[in-house]
Amino acid sequence: MNARAEAVAELEQRIGHHFKDREILERALTHASVGDRDPKARTNERLEFLGDRVLNLIIADELMRRSPDAPEGDLTKAFHKLINVESCAEVGEQLGLGQALRFGGGAGKLGMRRNMRVIGDACEALIAALYRDAGFDFTRDRVLRLWEPQFARLGAPEKRDAKSLLNEWALREAGETPEYRVLSQEGPAHEPVFRVEVFVRGFEPSVAEAGSKKEAEKLAAEALLKRQGIAA
């Protein structure tokens, strides 16, 4: 069994479901870059469309069940905290989804397996595949289990933004704000990978990669703060 096959098996184990329809699972795990080389390839974009709708229904219904008296505005705020790229990517990382994905050409070597947007989209595609293979009730149960840590954080105080924290720390320690530099930008135009460095005078710089410049800067700031013993 090769490394990717092992990752797929581990993914199914974490979900708690062995797919009867192997084709739909493979499609959910096939990144759009495969279609760049093989136009006939069935990638996960259509499943992502379906999975987004299934996920929205599950989370919206659960919010109404948990908060029967909450006004629409509060439900909407909570919904957007639970349904976004970061939340889907967090669940995808929890499942080890990145290692199970199939990419075209050298895309997998460009940091795509750690790209938040790629992981988040694949997570939605996987939800659609699970819905088609196991039905709505089973999918709802698994989604709510995976999203439970995020439901638990709904009432917690908002975390401070890493870049703001780093600004304050850098001004205090170095007397100036951090400097961010884009070291490289790779990958196709629709799914780039940015490699960003953050530098504070007198301290070792930190480097991070992500699917957007903003996210890469945030991750680099978090890494530098962590090295200084500051949680972001």
C-alpha atoms as a PDB file:
ATOM      1  CA  MET A   1       0.000   0.000   0.000  1.00  0.00           C
ATOM      2  CA  ASN A   2       1.476   3.378  -1.013  1.00  0.00           C
ATOM      3  CA  ALA A   3       1.487   6.486   1.174  1.00  0.00           C
ATOM      4  CA  ARG A   4      -1.625   8.010  -0.360  1.00  0.00           C
ATOM      5  CA  ALA A   5      -3.604   4.748  -0.117  1.00  0.00           C
ATOM      6  CA  GLU A   6      -2.665   4.563   3.556  1.00  0.00           C
ATOM      7  CA  ALA A   7      -3.803   8.170   4.020  1.00  0.00           C
ATOM      8  CA  VAL A   8      -7.168   7.376   2.404  1.00  0.00           C
ATOM      9  CA  ALA A   9      -7.617   4.333   4.650  1.00  0.00           C
ATOM     10  CA  GLU A  10      -6.783   6.426   7.719  1.00  0.00           C
ATOM     11  CA  LEU A  11      -9.230   9.092   6.552  1.00  0.00           C
ATOM     12  CA  GLU A  12     -12.055   6.549   6.363  1.00  0.00           C
ATOM     13  CA  GLN A  13     -11.119   5.247   9.801  1.00  0.00           C
ATOM     14  CA  ARG A  14     -11.276   8.748  11.297  1.00  0.00           C
ATOM     15  CA  ILE A  15     -14.655   9.373   9.683  1.00  0.00           C
ATOM     16  CA  GLY A  16     -15.895   5.960  10.805  1.00  0.00           C
ATOM     17  CA  HIS A  17     -17.183   4.969   7.377  1.00  0.00           C
ATOM     18  CA  HIS A  18     -15.844   2.708   4.621  1.00  0.00           C
ATOM     19  CA  PHE A  19     -17.149   4.003   1.308  1.00  0.00           C
ATOM     20  CA  LYS A  20     -19.084   1.516  -0.758  1.00  0.00           C
ATOM     21  CA  ASP A  21     -18.805   3.794  -3.793  1.00  0.00           C
ATOM     22  CA  ARG A  22     -15.041   4.073  -4.208  1.00  0.00           C
ATOM     23  CA  GLU A  23     -15.426   6.281  -7.273  1.00  0.00           C
ATOM     24  CA  ILE A  24     -17.243   9.037  -5.402  1.00  0.00           C
ATOM     25  CA  LEU A  25     -14.634   8.984  -2.640  1.00  0.00           C
ATOM     26  CA  GLU A  26     -11.843   9.248  -5.198  1.00  0.00           C
ATOM     27  CA  ARG A  27     -13.632  12.104  -6.916  1.00  0.00           C
ATOM     28  CA  ALA A  28     -13.992  13.977  -3.605  1.00  0.00           C
ATOM     29  CA  LEU A  29     -10.235  13.628  -3.101  1.00  0.00           C
ATOM     30  CA  THR A  30      -9.258  14.713  -6.636  1.00  0.00           C
ATOM     31  CA  HIS A  31      -8.109  18.323  -6.840  1.00  0.00           C
ATOM     32  CA  ALA A  32      -9.018  20.500  -9.831  1.00  0.00           C
ATOM     33  CA  SER A  33      -5.355  20.542 -10.932  1.00  0.00           C
ATOM     34  CA  VAL A  34      -5.812  16.970 -12.171  1.00  0.00           C
ATOM     35  CA  GLY A  35      -8.268  18.351 -14.714  1.00  0.00           C
ATOM     36  CA  ASP A  36      -5.578  20.672 -16.061  1.00  0.00           C
ATOM     37  CA  ARG A  37      -3.760  17.604 -17.400  1.00  0.00           C
ATOM     38  CA  ASP A  38      -6.790  15.431 -18.087  1.00  0.00           C
ATOM     39  CA  PRO A  39      -9.889  17.429 -19.127  1.00  0.00           C
ATOM     40  CA  LYS A  40     -12.016  14.288 -18.763  1.00  0.00           C
ATOM     41  CA  ALA A  41     -10.992  13.754 -15.136  1.00  0.00           C
ATOM     42  CA  ARG A  42     -13.761  13.971 -12.568  1.00  0.00           C
ATOM     43  CA  THR A  43     -12.522  16.390  -9.918  1.00  0.00           C
ATOM     44  CA  ASN A  44     -14.099  17.473  -6.641  1.00  0.00           C
ATOM     45  CA  GLU A  45     -15.502  20.844  -7.747  1.00  0.00           C
ATOM     46  CA  ARG A  46     -19.101  19.657  -8.304  1.00  0.00           C
ATOM     47  CA  LEU A  47     -19.082  17.717  -5.035  1.00  0.00           C
ATOM     48  CA  GLU A  48     -17.783  20.821  -3.267  1.00  0.00           C
ATOM     49  CA  PHE A  49     -20.884  22.666  -4.525  1.00  0.00           C
ATOM     50  CA  LEU A  50     -23.171  19.993  -3.047  1.00  0.00           C
ATOM     51  CA  GLY A  51     -21.190  19.579   0.168  1.00  0.00           C
ATOM     52  CA  ASP A  52     -21.410  23.284   0.910  1.00  0.00           C
ATOM     53  CA  ARG A  53     -25.213  23.086   0.811  1.00  0.00           C
ATOM     54  CA  VAL A  54     -25.368  19.917   2.921  1.00  0.00           C
ATOM     55  CA  LEU A  55     -23.038  21.421   5.512  1.00  0.00           C
ATOM     56  CA  ASN A  56     -25.008  24.688   5.615  1.00  0.00           C
ATOM     57  CA  LEU A  57     -28.257  22.816   6.276  1.00  0.00           C
ATOM     58  CA  ILE A  58     -26.757  20.656   9.034  1.00  0.00           C
ATOM     59  CA  ILE A  59     -25.148  23.567  10.879  1.00  0.00           C
ATOM     60  CA  ALA A  60     -28.117  25.937  10.488  1.00  0.00           C
ATOM     61  CA  ASP A  61     -30.540  23.275  11.737  1.00  0.00           C
ATOM     62  CA  GLU A  62     -28.302  22.446  14.704  1.00  0.00           C
ATOM     63  CA  LEU A  63     -27.955  26.115  15.657  1.00  0.00           C
ATOM     64  CA  MET A  64     -31.732  26.491  15.722  1.00  0.00           C
ATOM     65  CA  ARG A  65     -32.048  23.319  17.788  1.00  0.00           C
ATOM     66  CA  ARG A  66     -29.450  24.465  20.331  1.00  0.00           C
ATOM     67  CA  SER A  67     -30.697  28.055  20.520  1.00  0.00           C
ATOM     68  CA  PRO A  68     -34.495  27.905  20.125  1.00  0.00           C
ATOM     69  CA  ASP A  69     -35.013  31.491  21.340  1.00  0.00           C
ATOM     70  CA  ALA A  70     -32.065  33.190  19.616  1.00  0.00           C
ATOM     71  CA  PRO A  71     -32.924  35.994  17.165  1.00  0.00           C
ATOM     72  CA  GLU A  72     -32.018  35.626  13.499  1.00  0.00           C
ATOM     73  CA  GLY A  73     -29.103  38.059  13.813  1.00  0.00           C
ATOM     74  CA  ASP A  74     -27.411  36.020  16.538  1.00  0.00           C
ATOM     75  CA  LEU A  75     -27.944  32.803  14.592  1.00  0.00           C
ATOM     76  CA  THR A  76     -26.375  34.380  11.501  1.00  0.00           C
ATOM     77  CA  LYS A  77     -23.293  35.527  13.436  1.00  0.00           C
ATOM     78  CA  ALA A  78     -22.840  32.074  14.950  1.00  0.00           C
ATOM     79  CA  PHE A  79     -23.377  30.424  11.572  1.00  0.00           C
ATOM     80  CA  HIS A  80     -20.618  32.448   9.933  1.00  0.00           C
ATOM     81  CA  LYS A  81     -18.239  31.565  12.766  1.00  0.00           C
ATOM     82  CA  LEU A  82     -18.933  27.882  12.160  1.00  0.00           C
ATOM     83  CA  ILE A  83     -19.044  27.889   8.351  1.00  0.00           C
ATOM     84  CA  ASN A  84     -16.011  29.450   6.694  1.00  0.00           C
ATOM     85  CA  VAL A  85     -12.760  28.419   5.038  1.00  0.00           C
ATOM     86  CA  GLU A  86     -10.927  28.248   8.357  1.00  0.00           C
ATOM     87  CA  SER A  87     -13.513  25.990  10.022  1.00  0.00           C
ATOM     88  CA  CYS A  88     -13.627  23.567   7.088  1.00  0.00           C
ATOM     89  CA  ALA A  89      -9.831  23.522   6.868  1.00  0.00           C
ATOM     90  CA  GLU A  90      -9.600  22.829  10.602  1.00  0.00           C
ATOM     91  CA  VAL A  91     -11.844  19.780  10.228  1.00  0.00           C
ATOM     92  CA  GLY A  92      -9.931  18.695   7.120  1.00  0.00           C
ATOM     93  CA  GLU A  93      -6.647  18.871   9.000  1.00  0.00           C
ATOM     94  CA  GLN A  94      -8.200  16.894  11.858  1.00  0.00           C
ATOM     95  CA  LEU A  95      -9.100  14.162   9.351  1.00  0.00           C
ATOM     96  CA  GLY A  96      -5.664  14.161   7.674  1.00  0.00           C
ATOM     97  CA  LEU A  97      -7.337  15.170   4.417  1.00  0.00           C
ATOM     98  CA  GLY A  98      -4.304  16.847   2.862  1.00  0.00           C
ATOM     99  CA  GLN A  99      -2.311  13.632   2.588  1.00  0.00           C
ATOM    100  CA  ALA A 100      -5.246  11.815   0.970  1.00  0.00           C
ATOM    101  CA  LEU A 101      -5.723  14.326  -1.865  1.00  0.00           C
ATOM    102  CA  ARG A 102      -4.723  13.651  -5.463  1.00  0.00           C
ATOM    103  CA  PHE A 103      -3.122  16.508  -7.400  1.00  0.00           C
ATOM    104  CA  GLY A 104      -2.125  17.005 -11.002  1.00  0.00           C
ATOM    105  CA  GLY A 105       1.503  17.472 -11.993  1.00  0.00           C
ATOM    106  CA  GLY A 106       3.667  18.936  -9.244  1.00  0.00           C
ATOM    107  CA  ALA A 107       0.842  20.794  -7.512  1.00  0.00           C
ATOM    108  CA  GLY A 108       1.130  18.641  -4.394  1.00  0.00           C
ATOM    109  CA  LYS A 109       4.724  19.741  -3.968  1.00  0.00           C
ATOM    110  CA  LEU A 110       3.847  23.436  -3.861  1.00  0.00           C
ATOM    111  CA  GLY A 111       2.376  23.410  -0.381  1.00  0.00           C
ATOM    112  CA  MET A 112      -1.104  22.579  -1.659  1.00  0.00           C
ATOM    113  CA  ARG A 113      -1.526  19.815   0.901  1.00  0.00           C
ATOM    114  CA  ARG A 114      -1.285  22.528   3.579  1.00  0.00           C
ATOM    115  CA  ASN A 115      -3.265  25.163   1.651  1.00  0.00           C
ATOM    116  CA  MET A 116      -6.242  26.241   3.762  1.00  0.00           C
ATOM    117  CA  ARG A 117      -8.488  26.906   0.770  1.00  0.00           C
ATOM    118  CA  VAL A 118      -7.669  23.548  -0.847  1.00  0.00           C
ATOM    119  CA  ILE A 119      -8.273  21.616   2.381  1.00  0.00           C
ATOM    120  CA  GLY A 120     -11.484  23.508   3.135  1.00  0.00           C
ATOM    121  CA  ASP A 121     -12.913  22.905  -0.345  1.00  0.00           C
ATOM    122  CA  ALA A 122     -11.984  19.217  -0.201  1.00  0.00           C
ATOM    123  CA  CYS A 123     -13.682  18.921   3.184  1.00  0.00           C
ATOM    124  CA  GLU A 124     -16.941  20.133   1.637  1.00  0.00           C
ATOM    125  CA  ALA A 125     -16.513  17.699  -1.255  1.00  0.00           C
ATOM    126  CA  LEU A 126     -15.956  14.876   1.219  1.00  0.00           C
ATOM    127  CA  ILE A 127     -19.166  15.799   3.047  1.00  0.00           C
ATOM    128  CA  ALA A 128     -21.056  15.541  -0.248  1.00  0.00           C
ATOM    129  CA  ALA A 129     -19.495  12.151  -0.963  1.00  0.00           C
ATOM    130  CA  LEU A 130     -20.452  10.931   2.509  1.00  0.00           C
ATOM    131  CA  TYR A 131     -24.009  12.190   2.006  1.00  0.00           C
ATOM    132  CA  ARG A 132     -24.293  10.336  -1.319  1.00  0.00           C
ATOM    133  CA  ASP A 133     -22.743   7.136   0.056  1.00  0.00           C
ATOM    134  CA  ALA A 134     -24.214   6.922   3.557  1.00  0.00           C
ATOM    135  CA  GLY A 135     -27.284   9.177   3.571  1.00  0.00           C
ATOM    136  CA  PHE A 136     -28.197  12.384   5.348  1.00  0.00           C
ATOM    137  CA  ASP A 137     -28.684  11.104   8.910  1.00  0.00           C
ATOM    138  CA  PHE A 138     -25.273   9.448   9.048  1.00  0.00           C
ATOM    139  CA  THR A 139     -23.627  12.508   7.491  1.00  0.00           C
ATOM    140  CA  ARG A 140     -25.334  14.812   9.954  1.00  0.00           C
ATOM    141  CA  ASP A 141     -24.076  12.729  12.872  1.00  0.00           C
ATOM    142  CA  ARG A 142     -20.491  12.761  11.601  1.00  0.00           C
ATOM    143  CA  VAL A 143     -20.490  16.470  10.739  1.00  0.00           C
ATOM    144  CA  LEU A 144     -21.790  17.435  14.175  1.00  0.00           C
ATOM    145  CA  ARG A 145     -19.133  15.287  15.857  1.00  0.00           C
ATOM    146  CA  LEU A 146     -16.408  16.923  13.792  1.00  0.00           C
ATOM    147  CA  TRP A 147     -17.759  20.434  14.385  1.00  0.00           C
ATOM    148  CA  GLU A 148     -18.401  19.961  18.123  1.00  0.00           C
ATOM    149  CA  PRO A 149     -15.123  21.694  19.203  1.00  0.00           C
ATOM    150  CA  GLN A 150     -16.160  24.706  17.133  1.00  0.00           C
ATOM    151  CA  PHE A 151     -19.645  24.766  18.646  1.00  0.00           C
ATOM    152  CA  ALA A 152     -17.992  24.651  22.073  1.00  0.00           C
ATOM    153  CA  ARG A 153     -15.942  27.756  21.222  1.00  0.00           C
ATOM    154  CA  LEU A 154     -18.952  29.876  20.229  1.00  0.00           C
ATOM    155  CA  GLY A 155     -19.301  31.450  23.656  1.00  0.00           C
ATOM    156  CA  ALA A 156     -15.571  31.924  24.222  1.00  0.00           C
ATOM    157  CA  PRO A 157     -13.996  35.397  24.051  1.00  0.00           C
ATOM    158  CA  GLU A 158     -12.685  36.374  20.633  1.00  0.00           C
ATOM    159  CA  LYS A 159      -9.000  35.649  20.092  1.00  0.00           C
ATOM    160  CA  ARG A 160      -6.811  38.628  19.323  1.00  0.00           C
ATOM    161  CA  ASP A 161      -5.575  38.793  15.740  1.00  0.00           C
ATOM    162  CA  ALA A 162      -1.993  37.487  15.452  1.00  0.00           C
ATOM    163  CA  LYS A 163      -0.790  40.423  13.370  1.00  0.00           C
ATOM    164  CA  SER A 164      -2.168  42.931  15.890  1.00  0.00           C
ATOM    165  CA  LEU A 165      -0.528  41.058  18.759  1.00  0.00           C
ATOM    166  CA  LEU A 166       2.766  40.976  16.872  1.00  0.00           C
ATOM    167  CA  ASN A 167       2.549  44.709  16.163  1.00  0.00           C
ATOM    168  CA  GLU A 168       2.135  45.459  19.867  1.00  0.00           C
ATOM    169  CA  TRP A 169       4.925  43.089  20.868  1.00  0.00           C
ATOM    170  CA  ALA A 170       7.327  44.389  18.199  1.00  0.00           C
ATOM    171  CA  LEU A 171       6.734  48.007  19.178  1.00  0.00           C
ATOM    172  CA  ARG A 172       7.400  47.117  22.795  1.00  0.00           C
ATOM    173  CA  GLU A 173      10.483  44.964  22.156  1.00  0.00           C
ATOM    174  CA  ALA A 174      12.040  46.534  19.058  1.00  0.00           C
ATOM    175  CA  GLY A 175      10.494  49.986  18.876  1.00  0.00           C
ATOM    176  CA  GLU A 176       9.093  49.376  15.369  1.00  0.00           C
ATOM    177  CA  THR A 177       6.404  47.395  13.590  1.00  0.00           C
ATOM    178  CA  PRO A 178       7.102  44.064  11.809  1.00  0.00           C
ATOM    179  CA  GLU A 179       8.048  43.927   8.158  1.00  0.00           C
ATOM    180  CA  TYR A 180       6.378  41.358   5.882  1.00  0.00           C
ATOM    181  CA  ARG A 181       7.973  40.190   2.628  1.00  0.00           C
ATOM    182  CA  VAL A 182       6.598  37.846  -0.043  1.00  0.00           C
ATOM    183  CA  LEU A 183       9.444  35.412  -0.731  1.00  0.00           C
ATOM    184  CA  SER A 184       7.678  33.564  -3.535  1.00  0.00           C
ATOM    185  CA  GLN A 185       4.349  32.948  -5.222  1.00  0.00           C
ATOM    186  CA  GLU A 186       3.832  29.592  -6.907  1.00  0.00           C
ATOM    187  CA  GLY A 187       1.003  27.513  -8.277  1.00  0.00           C
ATOM    188  CA  PRO A 188      -1.778  28.366 -10.757  1.00  0.00           C
ATOM    189  CA  ALA A 189      -3.408  31.792 -10.693  1.00  0.00           C
ATOM    190  CA  HIS A 190      -6.675  30.431  -9.265  1.00  0.00           C
ATOM    191  CA  GLU A 191      -4.906  28.631  -6.377  1.00  0.00           C
ATOM    192  CA  PRO A 192      -1.595  30.340  -5.627  1.00  0.00           C
ATOM    193  CA  VAL A 193       0.740  29.474  -2.770  1.00  0.00           C
ATOM    194  CA  PHE A 194       2.352  32.463  -1.076  1.00  0.00           C
ATOM    195  CA  ARG A 195       5.547  32.096   0.952  1.00  0.00           C
ATOM    196  CA  VAL A 196       5.859  35.047   3.323  1.00  0.00           C
ATOM    197  CA  GLU A 197       8.522  36.119   5.813  1.00  0.00           C
ATOM    198  CA  VAL A 198       7.923  38.375   8.802  1.00  0.00           C
ATOM    199  CA  PHE A 199      10.906  40.224  10.274  1.00  0.00           C
ATOM    200  CA  VAL A 200      11.310  42.098  13.551  1.00  0.00           C
ATOM    201  CA  ARG A 201      14.634  43.826  14.103  1.00  0.00           C
ATOM    202  CA  GLY A 202      16.786  41.857  16.540  1.00  0.00           C
ATOM    203  CA  PHE A 203      14.834  38.611  16.218  1.00  0.00           C
ATOM    204  CA  GLU A 204      14.953  35.615  13.884  1.00  0.00           C
ATOM    205  CA  PRO A 205      12.349  35.963  11.108  1.00  0.00           C
ATOM    206  CA  SER A 206       9.527  33.461  10.627  1.00  0.00           C
ATOM    207  CA  VAL A 207       8.277  32.054   7.325  1.00  0.00           C
ATOM    208  CA  ALA A 208       4.885  30.562   6.432  1.00  0.00           C
ATOM    209  CA  GLU A 209       2.969  29.386   3.357  1.00  0.00           C
ATOM    210  CA  ALA A 210      -0.731  29.746   2.559  1.00  0.00           C
ATOM    211  CA  GLY A 211      -3.172  30.194  -0.284  1.00  0.00           C
ATOM    212  CA  SER A 212      -3.370  33.961   0.203  1.00  0.00           C
ATOM    213  CA  LYS A 213      -0.882  36.634   1.171  1.00  0.00           C
ATOM    214  CA  LYS A 214      -3.065  37.655   4.122  1.00  0.00           C
ATOM    215  CA  GLU A 215      -3.263  34.116   5.510  1.00  0.00           C
ATOM    216  CA  ALA A 216       0.474  33.546   5.042  1.00  0.00           C
ATOM    217  CA  GLU A 217       1.226  36.771   6.940  1.00  0.00           C
ATOM    218  CA  LYS A 218      -1.072  35.650   9.756  1.00  0.00           C
ATOM    219  CA  LEU A 219       0.594  32.226  10.001  1.00  0.00           C
ATOM    220  CA  ALA A 220       4.072  33.785   9.942  1.00  0.00           C
ATOM    221  CA  ALA A 221       3.053  36.194  12.725  1.00  0.00           C
ATOM    222  CA  GLU A 222       1.690  33.292  14.776  1.00  0.00           C
ATOM    223  CA  ALA A 223       4.939  31.359  14.297  1.00  0.00           C
ATOM    224  CA  LEU A 224       7.085  34.285  15.455  1.00  0.00           C
ATOM    225  CA  LEU A 225       4.858  34.888  18.467  1.00  0.00           C
ATOM    226  CA  LYS A 226       4.925  31.207  19.374  1.00  0.00           C
ATOM    227  CA  ARG A 227       8.722  31.229  19.329  1.00  0.00           C
ATOM    228  CA  GLN A 228       8.558  34.047  21.869  1.00  0.00           C
ATOM    229  CA  GLY A 229       6.168  32.053  24.058  1.00  0.00           C
ATOM    230  CA  ILE A 230       3.104  34.138  23.140  1.00  0.00           C
ATOM    231  CA  ALA A 231      -0.104  32.340  22.155  1.00  0.00           C
ATOM    232  CA  ALA A 232      -2.101  33.915  19.341  1.00  0.00           C
END
